[in-house]
N, C-alpha and C. Protein backbone atom coordinates (compact mmCIF):
# COMPACT_ATOMS: atom_id res chain seq x y z
N MET A 1 -26.98 14.61 -11.75
CA MET A 1 -25.85 15.47 -11.59
C MET A 1 -24.92 15.32 -12.79
N LYS A 2 -24.55 16.42 -13.40
CA LYS A 2 -23.63 16.39 -14.53
C LYS A 2 -22.20 16.54 -14.03
N ILE A 3 -21.32 15.71 -14.56
CA ILE A 3 -19.91 15.78 -14.20
C ILE A 3 -19.21 16.61 -15.28
N PRO A 4 -18.43 17.61 -14.87
CA PRO A 4 -17.74 18.43 -15.86
C PRO A 4 -16.86 17.57 -16.77
N LEU A 5 -16.83 17.93 -18.05
CA LEU A 5 -16.07 17.17 -19.04
C LEU A 5 -14.60 17.04 -18.67
N LEU A 6 -14.01 18.08 -18.13
CA LEU A 6 -12.61 18.03 -17.73
C LEU A 6 -12.38 16.95 -16.68
N LEU A 7 -13.29 16.84 -15.72
CA LEU A 7 -13.17 15.82 -14.68
C LEU A 7 -13.26 14.43 -15.29
N VAL A 8 -14.18 14.24 -16.22
CA VAL A 8 -14.32 12.94 -16.88
C VAL A 8 -13.02 12.59 -17.61
N ALA A 9 -12.45 13.56 -18.32
CA ALA A 9 -11.20 13.34 -19.05
C ALA A 9 -10.07 12.99 -18.08
N LEU A 10 -9.99 13.68 -16.95
CA LEU A 10 -8.94 13.40 -15.97
C LEU A 10 -9.10 12.01 -15.37
N LEU A 11 -10.32 11.62 -15.09
CA LEU A 11 -10.56 10.28 -14.55
C LEU A 11 -10.18 9.21 -15.56
N ALA A 12 -10.52 9.42 -16.81
CA ALA A 12 -10.17 8.45 -17.86
C ALA A 12 -8.66 8.35 -18.00
N PHE A 13 -7.96 9.49 -17.97
CA PHE A 13 -6.51 9.49 -18.08
C PHE A 13 -5.89 8.79 -16.88
N SER A 14 -6.39 9.05 -15.70
CA SER A 14 -5.86 8.44 -14.49
C SER A 14 -5.98 6.93 -14.54
N THR A 15 -7.13 6.43 -14.98
CA THR A 15 -7.34 4.99 -15.08
C THR A 15 -6.42 4.38 -16.11
N ALA A 16 -6.33 5.03 -17.28
CA ALA A 16 -5.51 4.49 -18.36
C ALA A 16 -4.02 4.54 -18.01
N ALA A 17 -3.62 5.50 -17.21
CA ALA A 17 -2.21 5.65 -16.88
C ALA A 17 -1.68 4.46 -16.08
N HIS A 18 -2.53 3.76 -15.38
CA HIS A 18 -2.11 2.63 -14.56
C HIS A 18 -2.43 1.29 -15.22
N ALA A 19 -2.92 1.32 -16.45
CA ALA A 19 -3.29 0.10 -17.14
C ALA A 19 -2.13 -0.41 -17.99
N GLU A 20 -2.12 -1.70 -18.21
CA GLU A 20 -1.19 -2.30 -19.16
C GLU A 20 -1.92 -2.39 -20.50
N CYS A 21 -1.44 -1.68 -21.50
CA CYS A 21 -2.11 -1.64 -22.80
C CYS A 21 -1.32 -2.41 -23.85
N VAL A 22 -2.07 -3.07 -24.73
CA VAL A 22 -1.48 -3.85 -25.80
C VAL A 22 -2.14 -3.45 -27.11
N ALA A 23 -1.34 -3.04 -28.09
CA ALA A 23 -1.87 -2.77 -29.43
C ALA A 23 -2.15 -4.12 -30.08
N VAL A 24 -3.30 -4.24 -30.73
CA VAL A 24 -3.66 -5.50 -31.38
C VAL A 24 -3.87 -5.27 -32.87
N SER A 25 -3.74 -6.34 -33.62
CA SER A 25 -3.89 -6.28 -35.07
C SER A 25 -5.34 -6.63 -35.43
N SER A 26 -6.12 -5.58 -35.65
CA SER A 26 -7.54 -5.75 -35.96
C SER A 26 -7.99 -4.55 -36.78
N SER A 27 -8.98 -4.75 -37.62
CA SER A 27 -9.48 -3.63 -38.41
C SER A 27 -10.35 -2.69 -37.59
N TRP A 28 -10.82 -3.11 -36.42
CA TRP A 28 -11.70 -2.24 -35.62
C TRP A 28 -11.35 -2.17 -34.14
N ILE A 29 -10.43 -2.98 -33.67
CA ILE A 29 -9.95 -2.88 -32.29
C ILE A 29 -8.48 -2.46 -32.37
N SER A 30 -8.15 -1.29 -31.78
CA SER A 30 -6.77 -0.83 -31.89
C SER A 30 -5.92 -1.23 -30.69
N LYS A 31 -6.52 -1.25 -29.50
CA LYS A 31 -5.76 -1.70 -28.32
C LYS A 31 -6.71 -2.14 -27.23
N ILE A 32 -6.16 -2.94 -26.32
CA ILE A 32 -6.89 -3.35 -25.13
C ILE A 32 -5.98 -3.09 -23.93
N CYS A 33 -6.58 -2.61 -22.85
CA CYS A 33 -5.83 -2.23 -21.66
C CYS A 33 -6.37 -2.98 -20.45
N TYR A 34 -5.46 -3.52 -19.65
CA TYR A 34 -5.84 -4.33 -18.49
C TYR A 34 -5.53 -3.65 -17.17
N THR A 35 -6.48 -3.68 -16.27
CA THR A 35 -6.27 -3.46 -14.84
C THR A 35 -7.02 -4.59 -14.15
N PRO A 36 -6.71 -4.89 -12.91
CA PRO A 36 -7.43 -5.97 -12.24
C PRO A 36 -8.94 -5.73 -12.14
N SER A 37 -9.38 -4.47 -12.17
CA SER A 37 -10.81 -4.20 -12.03
C SER A 37 -11.56 -4.09 -13.35
N ARG A 38 -10.84 -3.82 -14.45
CA ARG A 38 -11.54 -3.71 -15.74
C ARG A 38 -10.57 -3.78 -16.90
N VAL A 39 -11.13 -4.11 -18.05
CA VAL A 39 -10.40 -4.06 -19.31
C VAL A 39 -11.08 -3.00 -20.17
N THR A 40 -10.27 -2.13 -20.77
CA THR A 40 -10.79 -1.13 -21.69
C THR A 40 -10.28 -1.47 -23.07
N ALA A 41 -11.19 -1.54 -24.03
CA ALA A 41 -10.82 -1.80 -25.41
C ALA A 41 -11.17 -0.56 -26.24
N VAL A 42 -10.27 -0.19 -27.13
CA VAL A 42 -10.55 0.91 -28.05
C VAL A 42 -11.05 0.27 -29.35
N MET A 43 -12.36 0.47 -29.58
CA MET A 43 -13.02 -0.13 -30.73
C MET A 43 -13.60 0.98 -31.59
N ASN A 44 -13.16 1.01 -32.83
CA ASN A 44 -13.58 2.07 -33.76
C ASN A 44 -13.41 3.46 -33.14
N GLY A 45 -12.32 3.65 -32.41
CA GLY A 45 -11.98 4.94 -31.84
C GLY A 45 -12.69 5.30 -30.55
N LYS A 46 -13.52 4.41 -30.02
CA LYS A 46 -14.23 4.66 -28.76
C LYS A 46 -13.79 3.66 -27.71
N ASN A 47 -13.76 4.12 -26.45
CA ASN A 47 -13.39 3.25 -25.34
C ASN A 47 -14.61 2.47 -24.84
N TYR A 48 -14.42 1.18 -24.64
CA TYR A 48 -15.46 0.32 -24.08
C TYR A 48 -14.86 -0.42 -22.89
N ASP A 49 -15.56 -0.40 -21.76
CA ASP A 49 -15.09 -1.04 -20.54
C ASP A 49 -15.77 -2.38 -20.32
N PHE A 50 -15.00 -3.33 -19.82
CA PHE A 50 -15.48 -4.66 -19.50
C PHE A 50 -14.97 -5.01 -18.11
N CYS A 51 -15.82 -5.55 -17.26
CA CYS A 51 -15.45 -5.87 -15.88
C CYS A 51 -15.49 -7.38 -15.65
N GLY A 52 -14.60 -7.83 -14.77
CA GLY A 52 -14.57 -9.24 -14.41
C GLY A 52 -13.78 -10.12 -15.35
N ILE A 53 -13.01 -9.52 -16.25
CA ILE A 53 -12.19 -10.30 -17.17
C ILE A 53 -10.91 -10.72 -16.44
N SER A 54 -10.64 -12.00 -16.44
CA SER A 54 -9.43 -12.50 -15.78
C SER A 54 -8.18 -12.12 -16.59
N ARG A 55 -7.06 -12.19 -15.94
CA ARG A 55 -5.79 -11.91 -16.63
C ARG A 55 -5.57 -12.91 -17.76
N ALA A 56 -5.93 -14.16 -17.53
CA ALA A 56 -5.76 -15.18 -18.56
C ALA A 56 -6.62 -14.89 -19.79
N THR A 57 -7.83 -14.43 -19.57
CA THR A 57 -8.71 -14.07 -20.69
C THR A 57 -8.17 -12.86 -21.44
N PHE A 58 -7.69 -11.86 -20.69
CA PHE A 58 -7.07 -10.69 -21.33
C PHE A 58 -5.89 -11.13 -22.19
N ASP A 59 -5.02 -11.97 -21.64
CA ASP A 59 -3.84 -12.43 -22.38
C ASP A 59 -4.25 -13.19 -23.65
N ALA A 60 -5.26 -14.03 -23.54
CA ALA A 60 -5.73 -14.78 -24.71
C ALA A 60 -6.28 -13.83 -25.77
N TRP A 61 -7.02 -12.81 -25.35
CA TRP A 61 -7.57 -11.82 -26.28
C TRP A 61 -6.43 -11.05 -26.96
N ALA A 62 -5.44 -10.65 -26.19
CA ALA A 62 -4.32 -9.87 -26.73
C ALA A 62 -3.50 -10.69 -27.73
N ARG A 63 -3.43 -12.00 -27.54
CA ARG A 63 -2.64 -12.87 -28.42
C ARG A 63 -3.45 -13.50 -29.54
N ALA A 64 -4.75 -13.31 -29.53
CA ALA A 64 -5.61 -13.97 -30.52
C ALA A 64 -5.25 -13.56 -31.95
N PRO A 65 -5.25 -14.51 -32.89
CA PRO A 65 -4.99 -14.17 -34.28
C PRO A 65 -6.03 -13.21 -34.84
N SER A 66 -7.24 -13.29 -34.29
CA SER A 66 -8.32 -12.37 -34.68
C SER A 66 -8.93 -11.78 -33.41
N PRO A 67 -8.43 -10.62 -32.94
CA PRO A 67 -8.99 -10.03 -31.73
C PRO A 67 -10.50 -9.75 -31.84
N GLY A 68 -10.96 -9.37 -33.04
CA GLY A 68 -12.39 -9.13 -33.23
C GLY A 68 -13.20 -10.41 -33.10
N GLY A 69 -12.68 -11.50 -33.64
CA GLY A 69 -13.34 -12.80 -33.51
C GLY A 69 -13.35 -13.27 -32.07
N TYR A 70 -12.22 -13.07 -31.36
CA TYR A 70 -12.15 -13.45 -29.95
C TYR A 70 -13.17 -12.66 -29.14
N TYR A 71 -13.26 -11.36 -29.42
CA TYR A 71 -14.26 -10.52 -28.74
C TYR A 71 -15.66 -11.07 -28.98
N SER A 72 -15.99 -11.34 -30.22
CA SER A 72 -17.34 -11.82 -30.55
C SER A 72 -17.66 -13.15 -29.88
N ASP A 73 -16.68 -14.04 -29.84
CA ASP A 73 -16.89 -15.39 -29.30
C ASP A 73 -16.79 -15.48 -27.78
N ASN A 74 -16.00 -14.60 -27.15
CA ASN A 74 -15.68 -14.79 -25.73
C ASN A 74 -15.95 -13.62 -24.80
N ILE A 75 -16.11 -12.41 -25.34
CA ILE A 75 -16.24 -11.23 -24.49
C ILE A 75 -17.62 -10.59 -24.59
N LYS A 76 -18.08 -10.37 -25.79
CA LYS A 76 -19.32 -9.64 -26.05
C LYS A 76 -20.49 -10.20 -25.25
N GLY A 77 -21.13 -9.31 -24.49
CA GLY A 77 -22.32 -9.67 -23.72
C GLY A 77 -22.04 -10.41 -22.42
N ARG A 78 -20.78 -10.60 -22.06
CA ARG A 78 -20.46 -11.40 -20.87
C ARG A 78 -19.83 -10.63 -19.72
N TYR A 79 -19.28 -9.47 -19.98
CA TYR A 79 -18.50 -8.78 -18.97
C TYR A 79 -18.90 -7.32 -18.79
N SER A 80 -20.18 -7.07 -18.68
CA SER A 80 -20.66 -5.69 -18.52
C SER A 80 -20.26 -5.10 -17.17
N CYS A 81 -19.89 -3.84 -17.18
CA CYS A 81 -19.58 -3.12 -15.93
C CYS A 81 -20.83 -2.47 -15.36
N TYR A 82 -21.92 -2.50 -16.07
CA TYR A 82 -23.11 -1.74 -15.67
C TYR A 82 -24.29 -2.61 -15.37
């Protein structure tokens, strides 16, 4: 079943509207957004979702001197939503 693009956009907006977003200083990660059910990171202009990330892990990622390095060392491959 194909979901109309407008519905997908509305769902994405609805989720992001209730998230706490933090702009980060990185050459390829522009922001990360937290909700209790998932974290969305904007990487190279695309949204990537991660599930099961604790608030403490989100806070550490948001404060990391190198958000890209923190992602590589602590997030990548560990928090898939699928």
